[in-house]
Amino acid sequence: MSTVKGVVLAVLVGLITIFILQNAGVVSLRFLFWRTAMSQAIFVPVVFAVGFIAGALVIIFSGKEKS
């Protein structure tokens, strides 16, 4: 079992490394009066996390009960 976990961990680390190397370019973000520039490898996970949190908040505060 630990060998499978090790292989899965190695593959994930490899995929993350490839993602970071391929998305090392700087992207610029302008929103209203706010401007920032950051690495695309940081920007993509941040946007994903913000979207995940926004979706979770909508579900939590939608008022629907689980059936």
C-alpha atoms as a PDB file:
ATOM      1  CA  MET A   1       0.000   0.000   0.000  1.00  0.00           C
ATOM      2  CA  SER A   2       2.797   2.451   0.818  1.00  0.00           C
ATOM      3  CA  THR A   3       4.402   1.740  -2.568  1.00  0.00           C
ATOM      4  CA  VAL A   4       1.215   2.857  -4.326  1.00  0.00           C
ATOM      5  CA  LYS A   5       1.107   6.035  -2.230  1.00  0.00           C
ATOM      6  CA  GLY A   6       4.742   6.719  -3.071  1.00  0.00           C
ATOM      7  CA  VAL A   7       4.145   6.295  -6.795  1.00  0.00           C
ATOM      8  CA  VAL A   8       1.047   8.514  -6.709  1.00  0.00           C
ATOM      9  CA  LEU A   9       2.950  11.164  -4.735  1.00  0.00           C
ATOM     10  CA  ALA A  10       5.868  11.038  -7.186  1.00  0.00           C
ATOM     11  CA  VAL A  11       3.522  11.430 -10.160  1.00  0.00           C
ATOM     12  CA  LEU A  12       1.725  14.376  -8.522  1.00  0.00           C
ATOM     13  CA  VAL A  13       5.002  16.112  -7.697  1.00  0.00           C
ATOM     14  CA  GLY A  14       6.146  15.551 -11.281  1.00  0.00           C
ATOM     15  CA  LEU A  15       2.935  16.990 -12.715  1.00  0.00           C
ATOM     16  CA  ILE A  16       3.094  20.024 -10.426  1.00  0.00           C
ATOM     17  CA  THR A  17       6.719  20.608 -11.408  1.00  0.00           C
ATOM     18  CA  ILE A  18       5.846  20.437 -15.117  1.00  0.00           C
ATOM     19  CA  PHE A  19       2.924  22.848 -14.575  1.00  0.00           C
ATOM     20  CA  ILE A  20       5.151  25.356 -12.781  1.00  0.00           C
ATOM     21  CA  LEU A  21       7.889  25.170 -15.420  1.00  0.00           C
ATOM     22  CA  GLN A  22       5.451  25.602 -18.309  1.00  0.00           C
ATOM     23  CA  ASN A  23       3.560  28.490 -16.663  1.00  0.00           C
ATOM     24  CA  ALA A  24       6.426  30.560 -15.322  1.00  0.00           C
ATOM     25  CA  GLY A  25       5.464  33.630 -17.354  1.00  0.00           C
ATOM     26  CA  VAL A  26       4.177  36.764 -15.680  1.00  0.00           C
ATOM     27  CA  VAL A  27       0.534  37.713 -16.217  1.00  0.00           C
ATOM     28  CA  SER A  28      -0.971  41.105 -15.508  1.00  0.00           C
ATOM     29  CA  LEU A  29      -4.358  41.503 -13.854  1.00  0.00           C
ATOM     30  CA  ARG A  30      -6.357  44.733 -13.890  1.00  0.00           C
ATOM     31  CA  PHE A  31      -9.628  44.946 -11.947  1.00  0.00           C
ATOM     32  CA  LEU A  32     -11.285  48.330 -11.509  1.00  0.00           C
ATOM     33  CA  PHE A  33      -8.537  50.456  -9.932  1.00  0.00           C
ATOM     34  CA  TRP A  34      -6.387  47.534  -8.836  1.00  0.00           C
ATOM     35  CA  ARG A  35      -3.437  46.229 -10.851  1.00  0.00           C
ATOM     36  CA  THR A  36      -1.113  43.347 -10.108  1.00  0.00           C
ATOM     37  CA  ALA A  37       1.346  41.099 -11.899  1.00  0.00           C
ATOM     38  CA  MET A  38       2.278  37.594 -10.811  1.00  0.00           C
ATOM     39  CA  SER A  39       3.459  34.278 -12.131  1.00  0.00           C
ATOM     40  CA  GLN A  40       0.794  32.350 -13.986  1.00  0.00           C
ATOM     41  CA  ALA A  41       1.719  29.262 -11.946  1.00  0.00           C
ATOM     42  CA  ILE A  42       0.543  31.149  -8.844  1.00  0.00           C
ATOM     43  CA  PHE A  43      -2.393  32.920 -10.490  1.00  0.00           C
ATOM     44  CA  VAL A  44      -4.187  29.789 -11.759  1.00  0.00           C
ATOM     45  CA  PRO A  45      -4.397  27.995  -8.367  1.00  0.00           C
ATOM     46  CA  VAL A  46      -5.406  31.237  -6.619  1.00  0.00           C
ATOM     47  CA  VAL A  47      -8.275  31.784  -9.066  1.00  0.00           C
ATOM     48  CA  PHE A  48      -9.288  28.118  -8.684  1.00  0.00           C
ATOM     49  CA  ALA A  49      -9.319  28.439  -4.880  1.00  0.00           C
ATOM     50  CA  VAL A  50     -11.331  31.668  -4.969  1.00  0.00           C
ATOM     51  CA  GLY A  51     -13.894  30.037  -7.259  1.00  0.00           C
ATOM     52  CA  PHE A  52     -14.076  26.960  -5.034  1.00  0.00           C
ATOM     53  CA  ILE A  53     -14.634  29.094  -1.934  1.00  0.00           C
ATOM     54  CA  ALA A  54     -17.268  31.225  -3.700  1.00  0.00           C
ATOM     55  CA  GLY A  55     -19.129  28.104  -4.804  1.00  0.00           C
ATOM     56  CA  ALA A  56     -18.970  26.620  -1.311  1.00  0.00           C
ATOM     57  CA  LEU A  57     -20.330  29.841   0.195  1.00  0.00           C
ATOM     58  CA  VAL A  58     -23.226  29.853  -2.265  1.00  0.00           C
ATOM     59  CA  ILE A  59     -24.091  26.291  -1.288  1.00  0.00           C
ATOM     60  CA  ILE A  60     -23.765  27.016   2.433  1.00  0.00           C
ATOM     61  CA  PHE A  61     -25.870  30.183   2.363  1.00  0.00           C
ATOM     62  CA  SER A  62     -28.438  29.088  -0.237  1.00  0.00           C
ATOM     63  CA  GLY A  63     -30.764  27.953   2.532  1.00  0.00           C
ATOM     64  CA  LYS A  64     -31.558  24.597   0.992  1.00  0.00           C
ATOM     65  CA  GLU A  65     -31.763  21.696   3.398  1.00  0.00           C
ATOM     66  CA  LYS A  66     -30.252  18.333   2.561  1.00  0.00           C
ATOM     67  CA  SER A  67     -32.927  15.761   1.862  1.00  0.00           C
END
